[in-house]
Amino acid sequence: MESAIKNISQNFSNTEKMPVLFLGHGSPMNAIEENEFVTGFRNIGKTIPKPKAVLCISAHWETIGTKITAMQNPKTIHDFGGFPKALFDVQYPAPGKPELAKEIVENVQKTEVIPDQSWGLDHGAWSVIKHLYPQADVPVLELSIDYTKPPEYHYELASELAWLRNKGVLIIGSGNMVHNLGLIAWDKMNVDNYGYDWAIEASTKMKNLILNGDHKSLVKYDLLGNAFKYAIPTPEHYLPLIYTLALKNENEKITIFNDKAMAGSLTMTSIKIESI
């Protein structure tokens, strides 16, 4: 692996090590609303050097096999329904970076990464990245989640992306730590920081494990009890967190922000990992 990384093209020169983010993206309406979570995204963006590119692992691109967007101009995907026209009108015309996609394809050893020309940027990516880079002037790539693979696969795959942090690439996992749409308390949508007992229990344990560096337990989340079974009924919104954590080095600082529950069964909790 080390020898392969040495062959990375000079197009991606070394930079100060970039942070890594996990962003709790919540409702697509966060793309156009003004609220405390949007403010949190913007504020964290101000603390990060402007990247050469963003690589986003979004909960909303599940595939068989691992794919990466490799087009020059990814489309804005409105992968939702029942929202106002204003949300469907949003375009986020960030360019792609095919040469970076090629480097990633060539340097990942664990699995074949398949260049993709048909996807684009789904709302898991653009609804949050637009608050970090509103001018859409930073290239964005997406890496898909192979839903046929266990969490260990995703953790190991993510570790092979660590070199990107030294090449000016901001890696973002976009999902939600606690995400159970089937149990949303619709009548509590506007109640501040409202979470069911199991959601608070799972969220608290997740944060403790994150801060203690216990990634093994977080990867094997299915062994963590009933609260986690409710919090993660399906893994796609949780796995982006696993990608983020796999990129953490020893002695790096973790900042937790946007740390609130919503509508009983969701959390917006987000994290930033950075060198001290």
Protein backbone atom coordinates (compact mmCIF):
# COMPACT_ATOMS: atom_id res chain seq x y z
CA MET A 1 0.00 0.00 0.00
CA GLU A 2 2.81 2.41 0.90
CA SER A 3 4.52 1.88 -2.45
CA ALA A 4 1.25 2.45 -4.27
CA ILE A 5 0.69 5.73 -2.48
CA LYS A 6 4.17 6.89 -3.45
CA ASN A 7 3.03 6.73 -7.06
CA ILE A 8 0.26 9.27 -6.60
CA SER A 9 0.58 11.92 -9.27
CA GLN A 10 2.12 15.28 -8.60
CA ASN A 11 -1.24 16.86 -9.42
CA PHE A 12 -2.08 16.33 -5.76
CA SER A 13 0.83 17.86 -3.87
CA ASN A 14 1.14 17.53 -0.11
CA THR A 15 -0.76 19.99 2.04
CA GLU A 16 -1.41 20.53 5.72
CA LYS A 17 -3.45 17.54 6.90
CA MET A 18 -7.14 18.23 6.34
CA PRO A 19 -9.75 17.56 9.02
CA VAL A 20 -12.45 14.92 8.60
CA LEU A 21 -16.16 15.57 9.16
CA PHE A 22 -19.25 13.59 9.95
CA LEU A 23 -22.30 15.74 9.32
CA GLY A 24 -25.76 14.85 10.60
CA HIS A 25 -27.70 16.04 7.58
CA GLY A 26 -31.27 15.51 8.79
CA SER A 27 -34.12 16.77 6.64
CA PRO A 28 -33.43 17.91 3.06
CA MET A 29 -35.08 21.18 4.11
CA ASN A 30 -31.85 22.05 5.88
CA ALA A 31 -30.61 22.94 2.41
CA ILE A 32 -32.84 26.02 2.27
CA GLU A 33 -33.88 26.77 5.85
CA GLU A 34 -32.10 28.99 8.32
CA ASN A 35 -31.69 27.17 11.61
CA GLU A 36 -29.10 26.32 14.24
CA PHE A 37 -27.88 23.25 12.36
CA VAL A 38 -27.20 25.20 9.18
CA THR A 39 -25.36 27.76 11.31
CA GLY A 40 -23.34 24.90 12.77
CA PHE A 41 -22.33 23.69 9.31
CA ARG A 42 -21.30 27.18 8.27
CA ASN A 43 -19.35 27.82 11.45
CA ILE A 44 -17.40 24.58 11.18
CA GLY A 45 -16.65 25.36 7.54
CA LYS A 46 -14.96 28.58 8.62
CA THR A 47 -12.49 26.60 10.73
CA ILE A 48 -11.25 24.46 7.82
CA PRO A 49 -8.68 25.45 5.16
CA LYS A 50 -10.34 25.60 1.76
CA PRO A 51 -9.87 22.13 0.27
CA LYS A 52 -8.76 21.19 -3.22
CA ALA A 53 -11.71 18.80 -3.33
CA VAL A 54 -14.35 17.16 -1.16
CA LEU A 55 -14.95 13.41 -1.03
CA CYS A 56 -18.37 12.67 0.45
CA ILE A 57 -19.68 9.33 1.66
CA SER A 58 -23.44 9.89 1.63
CA ALA A 59 -26.12 7.70 3.17
CA HIS A 60 -28.13 8.21 0.00
CA TRP A 61 -25.92 6.41 -2.50
CA GLU A 62 -26.17 2.67 -1.87
CA THR A 63 -24.82 0.29 -4.49
CA ILE A 64 -23.65 -3.24 -5.10
CA GLY A 65 -19.91 -2.76 -5.24
CA THR A 66 -18.08 0.46 -4.35
CA LYS A 67 -18.39 3.28 -6.86
CA ILE A 68 -17.00 6.79 -7.16
CA THR A 69 -18.35 9.68 -9.21
CA ALA A 70 -15.89 10.32 -12.02
CA MET A 71 -17.66 12.90 -14.19
CA GLN A 72 -16.53 16.48 -14.76
CA ASN A 73 -19.93 18.01 -13.95
CA PRO A 74 -22.02 15.97 -11.51
CA LYS A 75 -25.74 16.68 -11.60
CA THR A 76 -27.76 17.79 -8.58
CA ILE A 77 -30.00 14.88 -7.61
CA HIS A 78 -33.32 15.61 -5.88
CA ASP A 79 -33.75 12.18 -4.33
CA PHE A 80 -36.80 12.87 -2.16
CA GLY A 81 -40.49 13.64 -2.42
CA GLY A 82 -43.19 15.71 -0.76
CA PHE A 83 -41.15 18.86 -0.23
CA PRO A 84 -41.74 22.41 -1.51
CA LYS A 85 -40.85 23.35 -5.07
CA ALA A 86 -38.17 25.68 -3.74
CA LEU A 87 -36.17 22.65 -2.61
CA PHE A 88 -36.45 20.96 -5.99
CA ASP A 89 -35.28 24.18 -7.62
CA VAL A 90 -31.96 24.08 -5.78
CA GLN A 91 -28.96 23.39 -7.98
CA TYR A 92 -25.48 22.86 -6.60
CA PRO A 93 -23.20 23.03 -9.65
CA ALA A 94 -19.91 22.05 -8.02
CA PRO A 95 -17.53 20.46 -10.53
CA GLY A 96 -16.23 16.94 -10.25
CA LYS A 97 -12.56 15.98 -10.37
CA PRO A 98 -12.11 12.96 -12.64
CA GLU A 99 -8.35 12.87 -12.17
CA LEU A 100 -8.78 12.52 -8.42
CA ALA A 101 -11.37 9.77 -8.92
CA LYS A 102 -8.79 7.97 -11.08
CA GLU A 103 -6.15 8.23 -8.36
CA ILE A 104 -8.55 6.80 -5.78
CA VAL A 105 -9.50 3.92 -8.10
CA GLU A 106 -5.83 3.11 -8.65
CA ASN A 107 -4.74 3.33 -5.01
CA VAL A 108 -7.47 1.44 -3.16
CA GLN A 109 -6.28 -2.13 -2.70
CA LYS A 110 -9.06 -3.66 -0.59
CA THR A 111 -11.65 -3.71 -3.35
CA GLU A 112 -12.35 -2.58 -6.87
CA VAL A 113 -13.62 1.00 -6.91
CA ILE A 114 -15.75 1.49 -10.00
CA PRO A 115 -15.73 4.89 -11.78
CA ASP A 116 -19.32 6.07 -12.22
CA GLN A 117 -20.67 8.49 -14.83
CA SER A 118 -24.39 8.34 -14.00
CA TRP A 119 -24.91 9.40 -10.39
CA GLY A 120 -24.03 12.93 -9.31
CA LEU A 121 -24.57 14.70 -5.97
CA ASP A 122 -27.50 13.46 -3.90
CA HIS A 123 -29.04 15.51 -1.11
CA GLY A 124 -26.90 13.81 1.50
CA ALA A 125 -24.00 15.63 -0.14
CA TRP A 126 -25.26 18.91 -1.54
CA SER A 127 -27.71 19.84 1.22
CA VAL A 128 -24.78 20.19 3.65
CA ILE A 129 -21.82 20.98 1.40
CA LYS A 130 -23.66 24.01 0.03
CA HIS A 131 -23.41 25.58 3.49
CA LEU A 132 -19.67 24.94 3.66
CA TYR A 133 -18.95 26.17 0.12
CA PRO A 134 -21.93 28.21 -1.09
CA GLN A 135 -20.15 29.30 -4.26
CA ALA A 136 -19.91 25.66 -5.42
CA ASP A 137 -16.28 26.37 -6.24
CA VAL A 138 -14.79 23.26 -4.64
CA PRO A 139 -14.87 20.01 -6.66
CA VAL A 140 -17.02 17.29 -5.06
CA LEU A 141 -16.85 13.54 -5.50
CA GLU A 142 -19.07 10.91 -3.92
CA LEU A 143 -18.07 7.43 -2.81
CA SER A 144 -20.95 4.97 -2.63
CA ILE A 145 -21.87 2.61 0.19
CA ASP A 146 -21.83 -1.05 -0.83
CA TYR A 147 -24.88 -2.26 1.07
CA THR A 148 -23.88 -5.91 0.65
CA LYS A 149 -20.83 -5.48 2.90
CA PRO A 150 -20.50 -5.52 6.71
CA PRO A 151 -19.35 -2.50 8.74
CA GLU A 152 -15.83 -3.94 9.01
CA TYR A 153 -15.47 -3.66 5.23
CA HIS A 154 -16.34 0.03 5.29
CA TYR A 155 -13.97 0.75 8.19
CA GLU A 156 -11.09 -0.97 6.42
CA LEU A 157 -11.87 0.68 3.10
CA ALA A 158 -11.96 4.09 4.71
CA SER A 159 -8.50 3.59 6.19
CA GLU A 160 -7.17 3.31 2.63
CA LEU A 161 -8.37 6.86 1.96
CA ALA A 162 -6.25 8.43 4.68
CA TRP A 163 -3.61 9.69 2.22
CA LEU A 164 -6.19 12.06 0.77
CA ARG A 165 -6.06 14.13 3.95
CA ASN A 166 -2.49 15.12 3.06
CA LYS A 167 -3.50 16.03 -0.50
CA GLY A 168 -5.93 18.81 0.34
CA VAL A 169 -9.06 16.63 0.24
CA LEU A 170 -11.79 17.14 2.83
CA ILE A 171 -13.52 13.81 3.53
CA ILE A 172 -17.11 14.10 4.76
CA GLY A 173 -19.39 11.36 6.00
CA SER A 174 -23.01 12.48 5.70
CA GLY A 175 -25.77 10.62 7.53
CA ASN A 176 -27.29 10.58 11.02
CA MET A 177 -26.04 8.65 14.03
CA VAL A 178 -29.58 7.96 15.23
CA HIS A 179 -31.98 7.60 12.30
CA ASN A 180 -35.31 5.83 12.56
CA LEU A 181 -37.82 7.46 10.21
CA GLY A 182 -40.47 4.89 11.08
CA LEU A 183 -40.70 6.15 14.65
CA ILE A 184 -40.60 9.91 14.08
CA ALA A 185 -42.77 11.89 16.49
CA TRP A 186 -44.35 14.19 13.92
CA ASP A 187 -46.16 16.11 16.65
CA LYS A 188 -42.81 16.92 18.30
CA MET A 189 -41.04 18.23 15.19
CA ASN A 190 -40.75 21.71 16.69
CA VAL A 191 -39.84 20.65 20.22
CA ASP A 192 -36.23 21.54 20.94
CA ASN A 193 -33.88 18.59 21.50
CA TYR A 194 -36.65 16.02 21.84
CA GLY A 195 -35.49 12.41 21.80
CA TYR A 196 -37.02 9.13 22.91
CA ASP A 197 -35.27 7.46 25.83
CA TRP A 198 -33.69 4.86 23.55
CA ALA A 199 -32.46 7.57 21.17
CA ILE A 200 -30.81 9.49 24.00
CA GLU A 201 -29.31 6.27 25.38
CA ALA A 202 -27.85 5.27 22.01
CA SER A 203 -26.62 8.79 21.26
CA THR A 204 -24.92 9.12 24.64
CA LYS A 205 -23.20 5.76 24.28
CA MET A 206 -22.08 6.56 20.72
CA LYS A 207 -20.49 9.82 21.82
CA ASN A 208 -18.73 8.18 24.76
CA LEU A 209 -17.32 5.46 22.51
CA ILE A 210 -16.22 8.04 19.94
CA LEU A 211 -14.45 10.18 22.54
CA ASN A 212 -12.83 7.08 24.07
CA GLY A 213 -11.59 5.89 20.67
CA ASP A 214 -13.47 2.59 20.92
CA HIS A 215 -14.04 2.11 17.22
CA LYS A 216 -14.28 -1.66 17.52
CA SER A 217 -17.49 -1.40 19.54
CA LEU A 218 -18.92 1.18 17.15
CA VAL A 219 -18.18 -1.08 14.19
CA LYS A 220 -19.93 -3.96 15.96
CA TYR A 221 -22.90 -1.75 16.84
CA ASP A 222 -25.32 -4.67 16.52
CA LEU A 223 -23.90 -6.00 19.81
CA LEU A 224 -24.61 -2.81 21.76
CA GLY A 225 -28.16 -3.54 22.86
CA ASN A 226 -31.78 -2.69 22.13
CA ALA A 227 -31.31 1.09 22.02
CA PHE A 228 -28.96 0.64 19.07
CA LYS A 229 -31.43 -1.65 17.32
CA TYR A 230 -33.95 1.18 17.38
CA ALA A 231 -31.37 3.85 16.58
CA ILE A 232 -29.94 1.98 13.57
CA PRO A 233 -32.76 -0.09 12.03
CA THR A 234 -30.86 0.05 8.73
CA PRO A 235 -27.16 0.93 8.49
CA GLU A 236 -26.91 3.42 5.62
CA HIS A 237 -27.12 6.58 7.75
CA TYR A 238 -24.72 5.18 10.35
CA LEU A 239 -21.99 3.85 8.04
CA PRO A 240 -20.75 7.32 6.99
CA LEU A 241 -19.76 7.76 10.65
CA ILE A 242 -17.68 4.58 10.41
CA TYR A 243 -15.81 6.02 7.42
CA THR A 244 -15.09 9.19 9.35
CA LEU A 245 -13.84 7.41 12.47
CA ALA A 246 -11.56 5.10 10.47
CA LEU A 247 -9.64 8.18 9.33
CA LYS A 248 -8.80 9.36 12.83
CA ASN A 249 -5.19 9.15 13.94
CA GLU A 250 -4.01 8.88 17.53
CA ASN A 251 -3.83 12.14 19.42
CA GLU A 252 -6.22 13.92 17.07
CA LYS A 253 -8.87 16.20 18.50
CA ILE A 254 -12.60 15.48 18.23
CA THR A 255 -15.13 18.31 18.29
CA ILE A 256 -18.82 17.46 18.65
CA PHE A 257 -21.34 20.00 17.35
CA ASN A 258 -25.01 20.25 16.32
CA ASP A 259 -25.54 17.77 19.14
CA LYS A 260 -29.32 17.64 19.41
CA ALA A 261 -32.13 15.16 18.96
CA MET A 262 -35.06 15.85 16.66
CA ALA A 263 -38.59 14.46 16.52
CA GLY A 264 -37.81 11.66 18.94
CA SER A 265 -35.92 9.31 16.66
CA LEU A 266 -33.21 11.38 14.93
CA THR A 267 -30.02 13.09 16.04
CA MET A 268 -28.18 15.86 14.22
CA THR A 269 -24.94 15.18 16.09
CA SER A 270 -21.88 15.97 13.96
CA ILE A 271 -18.16 15.62 14.55
CA LYS A 272 -14.92 17.15 13.36
CA ILE A 273 -11.62 15.31 13.61
CA GLU A 274 -8.43 17.36 13.29
CA SER A 275 -4.76 17.34 14.09
CA ILE A 276 -3.79 19.14 17.27
